[in-house]
Amino acid sequence: MQFLSKKQLLFISFMLFSMFFGAGNLIFPAFLGRASGIDTYISMAGFILSAVGLPILGVIAVAKLGSLDTLGRRVSPLFALLFPFIIYISIGPLMAIPRAATVSFEMGLKPFLAEGADVQWPLVFYSVIFFCLVLWFSLSPNKLIDLFGKILTPSLLVLLAIILIKSIVTPLGGTAATAAAYQENTFFKGFLDGYMTMDLLGSLVFGIVIANTIYAQGITDKRSLSLSMMTAGLGAGILLAAIYVILGYIGATSGLAFGHADNGATVLSQVMKQLFGQAGTIILAVIFTIACLCVSIGLIISCSEYFSALYKKWSYKQWAFILTLISGVVANLGLNSILSFSVPVLGLIYPIAVVLILLALADTFIRGSKWAYSLTISMTALYSILDTLNNTLFKGTFDAVLRHIPLYEQQVGWVLPAIIGLVIGLVVDRPRKK
């Protein structure tokens, strides 16, 4: 077998961490800590399970089977075409990249504008500069390990360490009581908040970038490649979990001083001003800009490589330019508009992605059963579609019916349909296997 050095694995882990760690990874755990208060440890356990555990499993699944396309073909050729396309569009130019740019603007430039000033043209100006930088770095994907692993990620970790040390030396005020929304189903509430980081979807598409980076380090053996990807995934996961605990702690221990906050960006702004004064706004702006740039660059690279392989008439560089341009246009719709359609879309595709990854990890047990894959995913997708339609188009009209499904109140009602599909699939496929 071929092996990477410990130093190479560390830098690749840093690189994967920086591709995961964007705006949502900063604001959601901080808000979760503030809202959960004295129950932060419970909600944070659910958050880490979905925002760290599932993405690591995603990286392992891709490393195990080779690619998202291979994984999708276990269900059907049509699914292998449609589902990756939906994922790449969602975490690419329609949601994740524009969200990163707008949150970066909200935290990086908007605080320095005059109060009440029109932000539309400043947003346009900021997004042009932001996406020019993203495109420039995206055109040299082979240099990612130097950019992310050796420069941006260590800088980000140092800044976060400074904030943690300062918050311990200078207490923030104490932990408040748990907010009403988090008093029931606290664990599952944190679990669902982890969806909003979108890292599970990212883990399915970052695999190709990590694999290419490891190839560039001289690893060509498939088993060695898979092992290196899994190790990098675990390293990135440990870093993510540590940062989430820190941000959750900061959010929770500032509850008595500031009370309720509408979002995590407000929580971090309040904390940084108390800890560092006006300089805190500048530090926070730098942190958000670095994090959002890293994620956007990684996503443009992943999406460009996917679409250039799907539609070969346009080169990687042409796709990078097109996707960057679309992302810039969507970003100028504003953060609220992006978030408004992000929630239902994530609620639709996340359960399917979770089940697909779990099937891949259990592939040895189900022995690649076509029926098991297709029926499990079909039942999960059917539930997700009905639940999403009920919550959006029908405004909860069918809640009384859907409540009979176990775990529906905890918003993970897809578990039973998935199990039913798996059992039926294995039973149907059993005679053929014999």
Protein backbone atom coordinates (compact mmCIF):
# COMPACT_ATOMS: atom_id res chain seq x y z
CA MET A 1 0.00 0.00 0.00
CA GLN A 2 0.96 3.63 -0.53
CA PHE A 3 0.84 6.06 2.37
CA LEU A 4 0.73 9.82 2.77
CA SER A 5 2.95 11.38 5.41
CA LYS A 6 1.32 12.70 8.59
CA LYS A 7 2.05 16.23 7.42
CA GLN A 8 0.31 15.63 4.08
CA LEU A 9 -2.74 14.10 5.81
CA LEU A 10 -2.89 17.06 8.19
CA PHE A 11 -2.89 19.59 5.36
CA ILE A 12 -5.52 17.63 3.40
CA SER A 13 -7.67 17.45 6.56
CA PHE A 14 -7.28 21.23 6.91
CA MET A 15 -8.24 21.61 3.27
CA LEU A 16 -11.42 19.51 3.67
CA PHE A 17 -12.29 21.35 6.89
CA SER A 18 -12.03 24.72 5.14
CA MET A 19 -14.25 23.49 2.29
CA PHE A 20 -16.91 22.51 4.82
CA PHE A 21 -16.56 25.47 7.16
CA GLY A 22 -18.54 28.41 5.82
CA ALA A 23 -21.02 30.99 7.01
CA GLY A 24 -23.60 28.50 8.26
CA ASN A 25 -20.99 26.66 10.30
CA LEU A 26 -20.28 29.89 12.17
CA ILE A 27 -23.76 31.23 12.79
CA PHE A 28 -25.85 28.10 13.46
CA PRO A 29 -23.91 26.64 16.44
CA ALA A 30 -23.62 30.10 18.04
CA PHE A 31 -27.37 30.62 17.72
CA LEU A 32 -28.04 27.08 18.93
CA GLY A 33 -26.01 27.75 22.09
CA ARG A 34 -27.88 30.99 22.76
CA ALA A 35 -31.32 29.46 22.16
CA SER A 36 -30.64 26.18 24.01
CA GLY A 37 -29.16 27.89 27.07
CA ILE A 38 -28.76 25.42 29.90
CA ASP A 39 -29.66 22.55 27.53
CA THR A 40 -26.94 23.39 25.01
CA TYR A 41 -25.14 20.09 25.55
CA ILE A 42 -28.26 18.18 24.45
CA SER A 43 -29.00 20.21 21.32
CA MET A 44 -25.30 20.36 20.47
CA ALA A 45 -25.11 16.56 20.55
CA GLY A 46 -27.85 16.42 17.91
CA PHE A 47 -26.21 19.19 15.91
CA ILE A 48 -22.81 17.46 15.88
CA LEU A 49 -24.44 14.17 14.85
CA SER A 50 -25.99 15.72 11.72
CA ALA A 51 -23.43 18.46 10.98
CA VAL A 52 -20.29 16.37 11.67
CA GLY A 53 -21.17 12.69 11.91
CA LEU A 54 -23.21 12.50 8.71
CA PRO A 55 -20.71 14.44 6.56
CA ILE A 56 -17.89 12.16 7.77
CA LEU A 57 -20.02 9.15 6.83
CA GLY A 58 -20.59 10.81 3.46
CA VAL A 59 -16.86 11.11 2.82
CA ILE A 60 -16.38 7.47 3.90
CA ALA A 61 -19.22 6.31 1.63
CA VAL A 62 -17.74 8.10 -1.39
CA ALA A 63 -14.28 6.75 -0.53
CA LYS A 64 -15.71 3.24 -0.22
CA LEU A 65 -17.65 3.14 -3.50
CA GLY A 66 -15.58 5.56 -5.58
CA SER A 67 -17.96 8.39 -6.50
CA LEU A 68 -21.46 9.81 -6.09
CA ASP A 69 -22.29 8.50 -9.59
CA THR A 70 -21.39 4.94 -8.58
CA LEU A 71 -23.48 5.32 -5.45
CA GLY A 72 -26.44 6.67 -7.42
CA ARG A 73 -26.33 3.82 -9.93
CA ARG A 74 -27.03 1.39 -7.10
CA VAL A 75 -30.53 2.92 -7.14
CA SER A 76 -31.08 3.44 -10.89
CA PRO A 77 -29.40 5.17 -13.88
CA LEU A 78 -32.08 7.89 -13.81
CA PHE A 79 -31.50 8.55 -10.10
CA ALA A 80 -27.74 8.63 -10.72
CA LEU A 81 -28.36 11.45 -13.18
CA LEU A 82 -31.05 13.47 -11.40
CA PHE A 83 -30.04 13.34 -7.72
CA PRO A 84 -26.41 14.46 -8.16
CA PHE A 85 -27.64 17.22 -10.50
CA ILE A 86 -30.07 18.46 -7.81
CA ILE A 87 -27.33 18.33 -5.15
CA TYR A 88 -24.79 20.20 -7.25
CA ILE A 89 -27.33 22.87 -8.19
CA SER A 90 -28.45 23.22 -4.56
CA ILE A 91 -25.05 23.49 -2.90
CA GLY A 92 -23.67 25.36 -5.88
CA PRO A 93 -25.10 28.38 -7.69
CA LEU A 94 -28.66 28.38 -6.28
CA MET A 95 -28.14 28.20 -2.50
CA ALA A 96 -24.85 27.54 -0.74
CA ILE A 97 -22.49 29.75 -2.77
CA PRO A 98 -24.84 32.78 -2.92
CA ARG A 99 -25.59 32.33 0.79
CA ALA A 100 -21.88 32.36 1.60
CA ALA A 101 -21.40 35.57 -0.36
CA THR A 102 -24.39 37.39 1.18
CA VAL A 103 -23.55 36.33 4.75
CA SER A 104 -19.97 37.43 4.13
CA PHE A 105 -21.34 40.82 3.03
CA GLU A 106 -23.69 41.03 6.03
CA MET A 107 -20.81 40.43 8.45
CA GLY A 108 -17.85 41.79 6.48
CA LEU A 109 -19.01 45.08 4.99
CA LYS A 110 -22.52 46.00 6.11
CA PRO A 111 -21.49 46.78 9.74
CA PHE A 112 -19.23 49.54 8.39
CA LEU A 113 -21.98 51.25 6.36
CA ALA A 114 -23.98 54.16 7.70
CA GLU A 115 -27.06 53.08 9.65
CA GLY A 116 -30.12 52.99 7.40
CA ALA A 117 -28.05 53.23 4.21
CA ASP A 118 -29.24 51.45 1.06
CA VAL A 119 -27.31 48.17 0.84
CA GLN A 120 -28.24 47.06 -2.69
CA TRP A 121 -25.38 48.76 -4.55
CA PRO A 122 -22.80 47.98 -1.85
CA LEU A 123 -23.90 44.33 -2.12
CA VAL A 124 -23.41 44.44 -5.91
CA PHE A 125 -19.96 45.99 -5.49
CA TYR A 126 -18.97 43.51 -2.77
CA SER A 127 -20.25 40.47 -4.69
CA VAL A 128 -18.29 41.46 -7.82
CA ILE A 129 -15.02 41.55 -5.84
CA PHE A 130 -15.93 38.41 -3.87
CA PHE A 131 -16.73 36.31 -6.93
CA CYS A 132 -13.74 37.59 -8.89
CA LEU A 133 -11.54 36.24 -6.10
CA VAL A 134 -13.49 32.97 -6.05
CA LEU A 135 -13.11 32.54 -9.81
CA TRP A 136 -9.41 33.39 -9.73
CA PHE A 137 -8.62 30.77 -7.09
CA SER A 138 -10.98 28.22 -8.67
CA LEU A 139 -9.03 28.27 -11.92
CA SER A 140 -6.06 26.66 -10.13
CA PRO A 141 -7.60 23.72 -8.22
CA ASN A 142 -4.23 21.94 -7.89
CA LYS A 143 -3.04 24.70 -5.56
CA LEU A 144 -5.87 24.15 -3.06
CA ILE A 145 -3.75 22.27 -0.53
CA ASP A 146 -1.32 25.21 -0.35
CA LEU A 147 -4.08 27.81 -0.17
CA PHE A 148 -6.42 26.06 2.26
CA GLY A 149 -4.21 23.63 4.15
CA LYS A 150 -1.23 25.91 4.76
CA ILE A 151 -2.69 29.43 4.85
CA LEU A 152 -6.44 29.99 5.22
CA THR A 153 -7.40 27.17 7.63
CA PRO A 154 -4.56 27.79 10.13
CA SER A 155 -5.40 31.53 10.06
CA LEU A 156 -9.06 30.78 10.76
CA LEU A 157 -8.24 28.40 13.61
CA VAL A 158 -5.89 30.93 15.24
CA LEU A 159 -8.59 33.63 15.17
CA LEU A 160 -11.17 31.27 16.71
CA ALA A 161 -8.69 30.20 19.39
CA ILE A 162 -8.14 33.85 20.33
CA ILE A 163 -11.89 34.34 20.71
CA LEU A 164 -12.23 31.24 22.93
CA ILE A 165 -9.34 32.27 25.21
CA LYS A 166 -10.71 35.80 25.54
CA SER A 167 -14.23 34.51 26.33
CA ILE A 168 -12.79 32.35 29.14
CA VAL A 169 -10.59 35.11 30.57
CA THR A 170 -13.41 37.68 30.26
CA PRO A 171 -16.71 35.94 31.18
CA LEU A 172 -19.60 36.87 28.92
CA GLY A 173 -22.37 37.01 31.50
CA GLY A 174 -23.70 33.50 32.10
CA THR A 175 -26.11 30.96 30.62
CA ALA A 176 -29.80 31.75 30.28
CA ALA A 177 -32.81 29.44 30.40
CA THR A 178 -33.71 27.40 27.33
CA ALA A 179 -35.85 29.22 24.75
CA ALA A 180 -39.37 27.91 24.21
CA ALA A 181 -38.63 26.50 20.75
CA TYR A 182 -35.87 24.28 22.19
CA GLN A 183 -37.60 23.07 25.35
CA GLU A 184 -39.22 20.10 23.59
CA ASN A 185 -37.40 17.64 21.34
CA THR A 186 -34.17 19.47 22.15
CA PHE A 187 -31.92 16.81 20.66
CA PHE A 188 -33.90 16.53 17.41
CA LYS A 189 -34.10 20.32 17.13
CA GLY A 190 -30.31 20.46 17.19
CA PHE A 191 -30.16 17.56 14.73
CA LEU A 192 -32.38 19.41 12.25
CA ASP A 193 -30.41 22.64 12.70
CA GLY A 194 -27.40 20.68 11.49
CA TYR A 195 -29.13 20.30 8.10
CA MET A 196 -28.68 24.00 7.50
CA THR A 197 -24.90 23.71 7.30
CA MET A 198 -25.46 21.63 4.12
CA ASP A 199 -22.23 19.74 4.88
CA LEU A 200 -23.77 16.32 4.26
CA LEU A 201 -24.48 17.34 0.66
CA GLY A 202 -21.02 18.86 0.46
CA SER A 203 -19.43 15.60 1.57
CA LEU A 204 -20.92 13.84 -1.45
CA VAL A 205 -19.45 16.31 -3.93
CA PHE A 206 -16.14 17.23 -2.28
CA GLY A 207 -14.99 13.65 -2.67
CA ILE A 208 -13.79 14.23 -6.21
CA VAL A 209 -11.72 17.27 -5.14
CA ILE A 210 -10.12 15.39 -2.24
CA ALA A 211 -9.44 12.37 -4.45
CA ASN A 212 -7.73 14.54 -7.08
CA THR A 213 -5.65 16.24 -4.40
CA ILE A 214 -4.51 12.88 -3.02
CA TYR A 215 -3.72 11.68 -6.56
CA ALA A 216 -1.56 14.77 -6.99
CA GLN A 217 0.42 13.69 -3.89
CA GLY A 218 1.41 10.46 -5.68
CA ILE A 219 -1.24 8.08 -4.30
CA THR A 220 -2.61 5.94 -7.16
CA ASP A 221 -3.60 2.71 -5.40
CA LYS A 222 -7.41 2.62 -4.88
CA ARG A 223 -7.25 1.12 -1.40
CA SER A 224 -4.67 3.68 -0.31
CA LEU A 225 -6.80 6.46 -1.83
CA SER A 226 -9.90 5.34 0.08
CA LEU A 227 -7.98 5.05 3.34
CA SER A 228 -6.45 8.51 2.88
CA MET A 229 -9.88 10.03 2.15
CA MET A 230 -11.37 8.42 5.26
CA THR A 231 -8.49 9.66 7.42
CA ALA A 232 -8.84 13.19 6.04
CA GLY A 233 -12.59 13.04 6.66
CA LEU A 234 -12.09 12.02 10.29
CA GLY A 235 -9.50 14.77 10.78
CA ALA A 236 -11.81 17.41 9.33
CA GLY A 237 -14.68 16.07 11.46
CA ILE A 238 -12.70 16.39 14.68
CA LEU A 239 -11.87 20.00 13.84
CA LEU A 240 -15.50 20.78 12.98
CA ALA A 241 -16.80 19.25 16.22
CA ALA A 242 -14.26 21.20 18.29
CA ILE A 243 -15.20 24.49 16.64
CA TYR A 244 -18.94 23.81 17.06
CA VAL A 245 -18.47 23.15 20.77
CA ILE A 246 -16.53 26.41 21.10
CA LEU A 247 -19.15 28.45 19.24
CA GLY A 248 -21.99 26.77 21.14
CA TYR A 249 -20.24 27.55 24.43
CA ILE A 250 -19.77 31.20 23.43
CA GLY A 251 -23.42 31.50 22.41
CA ALA A 252 -24.70 29.85 25.58
CA THR A 253 -22.51 31.72 28.07
CA SER A 254 -23.58 35.10 26.66
CA GLY A 255 -27.30 34.49 27.12
CA LEU A 256 -27.78 36.38 30.36
CA ALA A 257 -25.90 39.42 29.05
CA PHE A 258 -27.81 39.83 25.78
CA GLY A 259 -30.98 37.73 25.92
CA HIS A 260 -32.71 36.40 22.81
CA ALA A 261 -31.19 36.92 19.36
CA ASP A 262 -32.80 36.49 15.95
CA ASN A 263 -29.85 34.66 14.40
CA GLY A 264 -26.28 33.52 14.96
CA ALA A 265 -24.80 36.51 13.18
CA THR A 266 -26.34 38.77 15.84
CA VAL A 267 -25.02 36.50 18.60
CA LEU A 268 -21.46 36.67 17.28
CA SER A 269 -21.64 40.42 16.71
CA GLN A 270 -22.77 41.01 20.29
CA VAL A 271 -20.07 38.74 21.72
CA MET A 272 -17.25 40.20 19.64
CA LYS A 273 -18.16 43.79 20.54
CA GLN A 274 -18.17 42.91 24.24
CA LEU A 275 -14.88 41.01 24.04
CA PHE A 276 -12.87 43.26 21.72
CA GLY A 277 -14.82 46.49 21.29
CA GLN A 278 -14.85 47.97 17.79
CA ALA A 279 -11.91 45.74 16.82
CA GLY A 280 -14.23 42.77 17.32
CA THR A 281 -16.27 43.83 14.29
CA ILE A 282 -13.11 43.80 12.17
CA ILE A 283 -12.00 40.40 13.50
CA LEU A 284 -15.45 38.95 12.81
CA ALA A 285 -15.43 40.42 9.30
CA VAL A 286 -12.08 38.72 8.59
CA ILE A 287 -13.28 35.36 9.96
CA PHE A 288 -16.48 35.38 7.89
CA THR A 289 -14.69 36.48 4.74
CA ILE A 290 -12.05 33.74 5.01
CA ALA A 291 -14.63 31.04 5.79
CA CYS A 292 -17.01 32.06 3.02
CA LEU A 293 -14.24 32.36 0.44
CA CYS A 294 -12.95 28.86 1.27
CA VAL A 295 -16.37 27.26 0.93
CA SER A 296 -17.26 29.11 -2.27
CA ILE A 297 -13.95 28.21 -3.93
CA GLY A 298 -14.37 24.54 -3.00
CA LEU A 299 -17.93 24.46 -4.29
CA ILE A 300 -17.14 26.19 -7.59
CA ILE A 301 -14.33 23.68 -8.19
CA SER A 302 -16.53 20.68 -7.33
CA CYS A 303 -19.47 21.88 -9.41
CA SER A 304 -17.29 22.84 -12.38
CA GLU A 305 -15.61 19.44 -12.42
CA TYR A 306 -19.01 17.73 -12.27
CA PHE A 307 -20.67 19.77 -15.02
CA SER A 308 -17.62 19.66 -17.30
CA ALA A 309 -17.75 15.85 -17.06
CA LEU A 310 -21.52 15.84 -17.61
CA TYR A 311 -21.46 18.26 -20.58
CA LYS A 312 -18.07 17.94 -22.22
CA LYS A 313 -18.58 20.65 -24.86
CA TRP A 314 -17.75 23.26 -22.23
CA SER A 315 -14.42 23.06 -20.45
CA TYR A 316 -13.80 23.22 -16.71
CA LYS A 317 -12.80 26.88 -16.94
CA GLN A 318 -15.93 27.78 -18.93
CA TRP A 319 -18.13 26.08 -16.34
CA ALA A 320 -16.25 27.82 -13.52
CA PHE A 321 -17.00 31.19 -15.14
CA ILE A 322 -20.70 30.32 -15.80
CA LEU A 323 -21.34 29.01 -12.28
CA THR A 324 -19.56 31.94 -10.68
CA LEU A 325 -21.67 34.36 -12.74
CA ILE A 326 -24.95 32.62 -11.79
CA SER A 327 -23.94 32.54 -8.13
CA GLY A 328 -23.22 36.27 -8.22
CA VAL A 329 -26.64 37.05 -9.72
CA VAL A 330 -28.49 34.91 -7.15
CA ALA A 331 -26.45 36.43 -4.30
CA ASN A 332 -27.84 39.85 -5.15
CA LEU A 333 -31.36 38.65 -4.39
CA GLY A 334 -30.40 39.04 -0.73
CA LEU A 335 -29.93 36.67 2.19
CA ASN A 336 -33.61 36.46 3.21
CA SER A 337 -34.71 35.43 -0.28
CA ILE A 338 -32.04 32.72 -0.45
CA LEU A 339 -32.92 31.32 2.98
CA SER A 340 -36.65 31.33 2.21
CA PHE A 341 -36.34 28.66 -0.47
CA SER A 342 -33.36 26.86 1.11
CA VAL A 343 -35.34 25.35 4.01
CA PRO A 344 -37.95 23.40 1.96
CA VAL A 345 -35.36 22.25 -0.58
CA LEU A 346 -33.07 20.93 2.16
CA GLY A 347 -36.02 19.27 3.88
CA LEU A 348 -36.74 17.47 0.60
CA ILE A 349 -33.29 16.21 -0.37
CA TYR A 350 -31.54 15.75 3.01
CA PRO A 351 -33.41 12.58 4.08
CA ILE A 352 -32.67 11.00 0.69
CA ALA A 353 -28.97 11.84 1.04
CA VAL A 354 -28.84 10.45 4.60
CA VAL A 355 -30.48 7.18 3.58
CA LEU A 356 -28.27 6.84 0.49
CA ILE A 357 -25.13 7.19 2.61
CA LEU A 358 -26.36 4.69 5.20
CA LEU A 359 -27.13 2.20 2.42
CA ALA A 360 -23.61 2.63 1.05
CA LEU A 361 -22.09 1.98 4.48
CA ALA A 362 -24.29 -1.13 4.84
CA ASP A 363 -23.48 -2.32 1.32
CA THR A 364 -21.61 -5.39 2.60
CA PHE A 365 -24.72 -6.45 4.51
CA ILE A 366 -27.26 -5.81 1.73
CA ARG A 367 -24.78 -7.08 -0.91
CA GLY A 368 -25.51 -4.33 -3.42
CA SER A 369 -29.18 -5.33 -3.67
CA LYS A 370 -30.80 -3.27 -6.43
CA TRP A 371 -34.22 -3.76 -4.86
CA ALA A 372 -33.01 -2.68 -1.43
CA TYR A 373 -31.46 0.49 -2.81
CA SER A 374 -34.32 1.45 -5.12
CA LEU A 375 -37.24 0.71 -2.74
CA THR A 376 -35.56 2.32 0.29
CA ILE A 377 -34.78 5.49 -1.62
CA SER A 378 -38.23 5.52 -3.27
CA MET A 379 -40.06 5.26 0.06
CA THR A 380 -37.84 7.97 1.58
CA ALA A 381 -38.33 10.25 -1.43
CA LEU A 382 -42.11 9.70 -1.39
CA TYR A 383 -42.31 10.72 2.26
CA SER A 384 -40.01 13.73 1.74
CA ILE A 385 -42.11 14.99 -1.18
CA LEU A 386 -45.38 14.63 0.74
CA ASP A 387 -43.94 16.26 3.86
CA THR A 388 -42.46 19.17 1.88
CA LEU A 389 -45.72 19.76 -0.01
CA ASN A 390 -47.66 19.66 3.26
CA ASN A 391 -45.38 22.24 4.88
CA THR A 392 -45.23 24.59 1.88
CA LEU A 393 -48.07 24.35 -0.62
CA PHE A 394 -50.74 22.98 1.76
CA LYS A 395 -49.65 24.93 4.88
CA GLY A 396 -49.87 21.93 7.24
CA THR A 397 -53.31 20.74 6.09
CA PHE A 398 -52.36 17.07 6.41
CA ASP A 399 -50.61 17.30 9.79
CA ALA A 400 -53.39 15.30 11.47
CA VAL A 401 -52.75 12.38 9.10
CA LEU A 402 -48.96 12.53 9.06
CA ARG A 403 -48.77 12.66 12.88
CA HIS A 404 -49.59 8.94 12.92
CA ILE A 405 -46.15 8.27 11.42
CA PRO A 406 -43.57 7.60 14.17
CA LEU A 407 -41.06 10.44 14.71
CA TYR A 408 -43.11 12.86 12.60
CA GLU A 409 -43.34 15.29 15.51
CA GLN A 410 -39.54 15.19 15.73
CA GLN A 411 -39.41 15.98 11.97
CA VAL A 412 -37.59 12.75 11.09
CA GLY A 413 -40.65 10.81 10.01
CA TRP A 414 -38.74 9.47 7.00
CA VAL A 415 -37.07 6.83 9.18
CA LEU A 416 -39.99 4.34 9.15
CA PRO A 417 -40.69 4.58 5.37
CA ALA A 418 -36.97 4.00 4.74
CA ILE A 419 -36.94 0.90 6.97
CA ILE A 420 -40.08 -0.46 5.29
CA GLY A 421 -38.52 0.04 1.84
CA LEU A 422 -35.30 -1.68 2.94
CA VAL A 423 -37.12 -4.71 4.39
CA ILE A 424 -39.33 -5.14 1.33
CA GLY A 425 -36.34 -4.74 -0.97
CA LEU A 426 -34.32 -7.40 0.86
CA VAL A 427 -37.28 -9.81 0.91
CA VAL A 428 -37.98 -9.35 -2.81
CA ASP A 429 -34.31 -9.77 -3.69
CA ARG A 430 -33.75 -12.82 -1.50
CA PRO A 431 -34.85 -15.48 -4.05
CA ARG A 432 -32.62 -13.94 -6.72
CA LYS A 433 -29.62 -13.90 -4.38
CA LYS A 434 -30.17 -17.60 -3.59
